[in-house]
Structure formats: C-alpha cells, structure tokens
Amino acid sequence: NTNTNTNTQTLDRFGLPPPTIDDVFPPLSSDVSRVPMHSKRRPHDFHKDEVANAMKNHLGVDLDVFDDRGYSIHVERNDDEDDDDDDKN
C-alpha cells in the first residue's frame, strides 16, 4: 500500500516546524491601539500624536524625525559634501 500520511508535518532543515503567519506576525491583543493610516479617500488624515501614543509601549522610535504628515525631515548629504568636510578638518 503506497498511501502517504497527510498528517505528517513538514520540518525545516533543523527539524523544526516551519513558522506560521502567527509566528511572524503575532495577533495583537485588545489593549493595543489601532491607528489607521491615510487612504486614498483621506490622504492627509495622519495624526502624529495618535501614532506616538499607540507606539509608546511597543516601539522606541524617535518621532521627532518626522513631520506632522509622517514624512521624514532628514537632510540628505551627497558625497561632495563629505569630501568638503574632510578638507575643513
């Protein structure tokens, strides 16, 4: 009889079961705030203070590097500026 057992779990090369979607993205508990991001209907409906409040107990992100619309406010430097700084020292 050549029946295969469909209940046999596939294992990875280390002999462990492959990760599930819940392993990679665990379900959020009910105490986690959900803050919707902008959509096509409401492209500018972003509130930095709501995002900061939702993340405060979970992520250590410095939100001062983002403007009130959620865009980065960093200044990009090019290679020529790096060379100029070396000449000044």
N, C-alpha and C. Protein backbone atom coordinates (compact mmCIF):
# COMPACT_ATOMS: atom_id res chain seq x y z
N ASN A 1 0.86 -1.18 0.00
CA ASN A 1 0.00 0.00 0.00
C ASN A 1 0.90 1.23 0.00
N THR A 2 0.65 2.16 -0.92
CA THR A 2 1.51 3.34 -1.07
C THR A 2 0.84 4.61 -0.59
N ASN A 3 -0.07 4.51 0.37
CA ASN A 3 -0.72 5.72 0.91
C ASN A 3 0.29 6.54 1.70
N THR A 4 0.21 7.86 1.54
CA THR A 4 1.08 8.73 2.34
C THR A 4 0.27 9.32 3.47
N ASN A 5 0.92 9.56 4.56
CA ASN A 5 0.24 10.12 5.71
C ASN A 5 0.17 11.64 5.54
N THR A 6 -1.03 12.17 5.33
CA THR A 6 -1.19 13.61 5.13
C THR A 6 -1.11 14.39 6.43
N ASN A 7 -1.08 13.70 7.56
CA ASN A 7 -0.96 14.37 8.85
C ASN A 7 0.49 14.63 9.24
N THR A 8 1.44 14.12 8.47
CA THR A 8 2.84 14.31 8.78
C THR A 8 3.20 15.78 8.54
N GLN A 9 3.79 16.38 9.55
CA GLN A 9 4.13 17.80 9.46
C GLN A 9 5.50 17.95 8.78
N THR A 10 5.60 18.91 7.88
CA THR A 10 6.86 19.20 7.22
C THR A 10 7.78 19.92 8.20
N LEU A 11 9.04 19.53 8.21
CA LEU A 11 10.02 20.14 9.10
C LEU A 11 11.09 20.84 8.26
N ASP A 12 11.69 21.87 8.84
CA ASP A 12 12.76 22.56 8.14
C ASP A 12 14.07 21.79 8.29
N ARG A 13 15.16 22.32 7.79
CA ARG A 13 16.43 21.59 7.81
C ARG A 13 16.98 21.38 9.21
N PHE A 14 16.43 22.11 10.20
CA PHE A 14 16.86 21.93 11.58
C PHE A 14 15.94 21.00 12.36
N GLY A 15 14.93 20.48 11.67
CA GLY A 15 13.99 19.58 12.32
C GLY A 15 12.87 20.30 13.04
N LEU A 16 12.72 21.58 12.77
CA LEU A 16 11.66 22.38 13.42
C LEU A 16 10.52 22.61 12.45
N PRO A 17 9.31 22.79 12.98
CA PRO A 17 8.19 23.10 12.08
C PRO A 17 8.39 24.49 11.48
N PRO A 18 7.97 24.68 10.24
CA PRO A 18 8.13 25.99 9.62
C PRO A 18 7.28 27.03 10.36
N PRO A 19 7.72 28.29 10.36
CA PRO A 19 6.94 29.32 11.06
C PRO A 19 5.58 29.54 10.40
N THR A 20 4.62 29.85 11.23
CA THR A 20 3.28 30.17 10.72
C THR A 20 3.14 31.68 10.63
N ILE A 21 2.08 32.14 10.05
CA ILE A 21 1.83 33.58 9.94
C ILE A 21 1.70 34.19 11.34
N ASP A 22 1.16 33.44 12.30
CA ASP A 22 1.05 33.94 13.68
C ASP A 22 2.41 34.01 14.37
N ASP A 23 3.36 33.18 13.93
CA ASP A 23 4.71 33.27 14.48
C ASP A 23 5.41 34.54 13.99
N VAL A 24 5.21 34.86 12.73
CA VAL A 24 5.86 36.02 12.12
C VAL A 24 5.16 37.31 12.52
N PHE A 25 3.84 37.31 12.44
CA PHE A 25 3.02 38.47 12.80
C PHE A 25 2.03 38.06 13.86
N PRO A 26 2.44 38.06 15.13
CA PRO A 26 1.52 37.61 16.18
C PRO A 26 0.28 38.51 16.25
N PRO A 27 -0.86 37.92 16.54
CA PRO A 27 -2.08 38.72 16.67
C PRO A 27 -1.93 39.75 17.78
N LEU A 28 -2.45 40.94 17.55
CA LEU A 28 -2.39 41.99 18.56
C LEU A 28 -3.46 41.77 19.61
N SER A 29 -3.11 42.02 20.85
CA SER A 29 -4.10 41.89 21.92
C SER A 29 -5.03 43.09 21.90
N SER A 30 -6.10 43.01 22.63
CA SER A 30 -7.12 44.07 22.61
C SER A 30 -6.63 45.36 23.26
N ASP A 31 -5.54 45.31 24.02
CA ASP A 31 -5.05 46.54 24.66
C ASP A 31 -4.13 47.36 23.74
N VAL A 32 -3.86 46.86 22.53
CA VAL A 32 -3.02 47.59 21.58
C VAL A 32 -3.89 48.53 20.76
N SER A 33 -3.51 49.81 20.76
CA SER A 33 -4.27 50.81 19.99
C SER A 33 -4.05 50.59 18.51
N ARG A 34 -5.10 50.77 17.75
CA ARG A 34 -5.01 50.71 16.29
C ARG A 34 -5.22 52.11 15.75
N VAL A 35 -4.24 52.59 15.01
CA VAL A 35 -4.33 53.93 14.42
C VAL A 35 -4.33 53.76 12.91
N PRO A 36 -5.42 54.09 12.25
CA PRO A 36 -5.46 53.92 10.79
C PRO A 36 -4.53 54.91 10.10
N MET A 37 -3.89 54.45 9.05
CA MET A 37 -3.06 55.33 8.25
C MET A 37 -3.93 55.94 7.16
N HIS A 38 -3.35 56.89 6.43
CA HIS A 38 -4.13 57.57 5.40
C HIS A 38 -4.52 56.62 4.29
N SER A 39 -5.56 56.98 3.60
CA SER A 39 -6.05 56.17 2.49
C SER A 39 -6.28 57.10 1.30
N LYS A 40 -6.71 56.54 0.20
CA LYS A 40 -6.99 57.37 -0.98
C LYS A 40 -8.10 58.38 -0.69
N ARG A 41 -9.05 57.96 0.15
CA ARG A 41 -10.16 58.87 0.49
C ARG A 41 -9.69 60.01 1.38
N ARG A 42 -8.78 59.71 2.29
CA ARG A 42 -8.33 60.71 3.27
C ARG A 42 -6.80 60.72 3.32
N PRO A 43 -6.14 61.26 2.27
CA PRO A 43 -4.68 61.15 2.19
C PRO A 43 -3.92 61.93 3.25
N HIS A 44 -4.54 62.91 3.87
CA HIS A 44 -3.82 63.72 4.85
C HIS A 44 -4.36 63.54 6.27
N ASP A 45 -5.02 62.41 6.50
CA ASP A 45 -5.59 62.13 7.81
C ASP A 45 -4.58 61.35 8.65
N PHE A 46 -3.50 62.03 9.04
CA PHE A 46 -2.43 61.43 9.83
C PHE A 46 -2.24 62.31 11.05
N HIS A 47 -2.23 61.70 12.22
CA HIS A 47 -2.06 62.46 13.45
C HIS A 47 -0.87 61.88 14.21
N LYS A 48 0.22 62.61 14.18
CA LYS A 48 1.47 62.14 14.78
C LYS A 48 1.29 61.82 16.26
N ASP A 49 0.49 62.60 16.97
CA ASP A 49 0.30 62.36 18.40
C ASP A 49 -0.44 61.04 18.65
N GLU A 50 -1.38 60.66 17.77
CA GLU A 50 -2.08 59.39 17.92
C GLU A 50 -1.13 58.22 17.67
N VAL A 51 -0.26 58.37 16.68
CA VAL A 51 0.71 57.32 16.38
C VAL A 51 1.69 57.18 17.54
N ALA A 52 2.17 58.30 18.07
CA ALA A 52 3.11 58.28 19.20
C ALA A 52 2.47 57.59 20.40
N ASN A 53 1.21 57.90 20.67
CA ASN A 53 0.51 57.28 21.80
C ASN A 53 0.35 55.78 21.59
N ALA A 54 0.04 55.36 20.37
CA ALA A 54 -0.16 53.94 20.09
C ALA A 54 1.16 53.16 20.19
N MET A 55 2.28 53.79 19.86
CA MET A 55 3.56 53.09 19.84
C MET A 55 4.35 53.17 21.14
N LYS A 56 3.94 54.04 22.05
CA LYS A 56 4.79 54.36 23.22
C LYS A 56 5.19 53.15 24.06
N ASN A 57 4.36 52.15 24.16
CA ASN A 57 4.69 50.97 24.97
C ASN A 57 5.26 49.81 24.16
N HIS A 58 5.46 50.04 22.85
CA HIS A 58 5.85 48.94 21.99
C HIS A 58 7.13 49.19 21.20
N LEU A 59 7.30 50.40 20.70
CA LEU A 59 8.46 50.70 19.86
C LEU A 59 9.16 51.95 20.37
N GLY A 60 10.46 51.94 20.32
CA GLY A 60 11.24 53.11 20.72
C GLY A 60 11.69 53.90 19.51
N VAL A 61 10.78 54.55 18.83
CA VAL A 61 11.10 55.31 17.63
C VAL A 61 11.04 56.80 17.96
N ASP A 62 12.08 57.53 17.57
CA ASP A 62 12.12 58.97 17.78
C ASP A 62 11.26 59.64 16.71
N LEU A 63 10.06 60.01 17.06
CA LEU A 63 9.13 60.60 16.09
C LEU A 63 9.46 62.05 15.77
N ASP A 64 10.47 62.62 16.43
CA ASP A 64 10.88 63.99 16.12
C ASP A 64 11.52 64.09 14.74
N VAL A 65 11.88 62.97 14.15
CA VAL A 65 12.48 62.99 12.82
C VAL A 65 11.42 62.94 11.72
N PHE A 66 10.14 63.01 12.09
CA PHE A 66 9.04 63.02 11.13
C PHE A 66 8.23 64.29 11.30
N ASP A 67 7.71 64.82 10.18
CA ASP A 67 6.86 65.99 10.26
C ASP A 67 5.45 65.57 10.65
N ASP A 68 4.53 66.53 10.71
CA ASP A 68 3.17 66.24 11.15
C ASP A 68 2.38 65.40 10.16
N ARG A 69 2.89 65.24 8.93
CA ARG A 69 2.23 64.39 7.94
C ARG A 69 2.86 63.00 7.89
N GLY A 70 3.90 62.74 8.71
CA GLY A 70 4.52 61.43 8.77
C GLY A 70 5.71 61.26 7.86
N TYR A 71 6.14 62.33 7.19
CA TYR A 71 7.29 62.25 6.30
C TYR A 71 8.57 62.55 7.05
N SER A 72 9.66 61.89 6.65
CA SER A 72 10.97 62.11 7.26
C SER A 72 11.43 63.54 6.99
N ILE A 73 12.05 64.15 7.99
CA ILE A 73 12.55 65.52 7.82
C ILE A 73 14.08 65.54 7.85
N HIS A 74 14.69 64.40 7.47
CA HIS A 74 16.15 64.33 7.44
C HIS A 74 16.70 65.12 6.26
N VAL A 75 17.94 65.46 6.34
CA VAL A 75 18.62 66.17 5.27
C VAL A 75 19.61 65.21 4.63
N GLU A 76 19.47 65.04 3.32
CA GLU A 76 20.38 64.14 2.63
C GLU A 76 21.66 64.86 2.28
N ARG A 77 22.76 64.14 2.38
CA ARG A 77 24.06 64.69 2.01
C ARG A 77 24.58 63.91 0.82
N ASN A 78 25.30 64.59 -0.04
CA ASN A 78 25.92 63.88 -1.16
C ASN A 78 27.40 63.66 -0.87
N ASP A 79 28.07 62.90 -1.71
CA ASP A 79 29.48 62.56 -1.48
C ASP A 79 30.37 63.79 -1.50
N ASP A 80 30.03 64.80 -2.31
CA ASP A 80 30.85 66.01 -2.38
C ASP A 80 30.86 66.73 -1.04
N GLU A 81 29.73 66.72 -0.34
CA GLU A 81 29.68 67.38 0.98
C GLU A 81 30.57 66.66 1.97
N ASP A 82 30.64 65.33 1.88
CA ASP A 82 31.53 64.58 2.77
C ASP A 82 32.98 64.94 2.53
N ASP A 83 33.37 65.11 1.25
CA ASP A 83 34.74 65.49 0.91
C ASP A 83 35.06 66.89 1.42
N ASP A 84 34.09 67.80 1.32
CA ASP A 84 34.29 69.17 1.78
C ASP A 84 34.53 69.19 3.28
N ASP A 85 33.82 68.34 4.02
CA ASP A 85 34.00 68.30 5.47
C ASP A 85 35.40 67.83 5.82
N ASP A 86 35.93 66.88 5.04
CA ASP A 86 37.28 66.38 5.30
C ASP A 86 38.33 67.48 5.08
N ASP A 87 38.09 68.34 4.10
CA ASP A 87 39.03 69.41 3.81
C ASP A 87 39.07 70.43 4.93
N LYS A 88 37.98 70.61 5.65
CA LYS A 88 37.90 71.62 6.71
C LYS A 88 38.65 71.17 7.97
N ASN A 89 38.82 69.86 8.14
CA ASN A 89 39.46 69.34 9.36
C ASN A 89 40.94 69.27 9.22
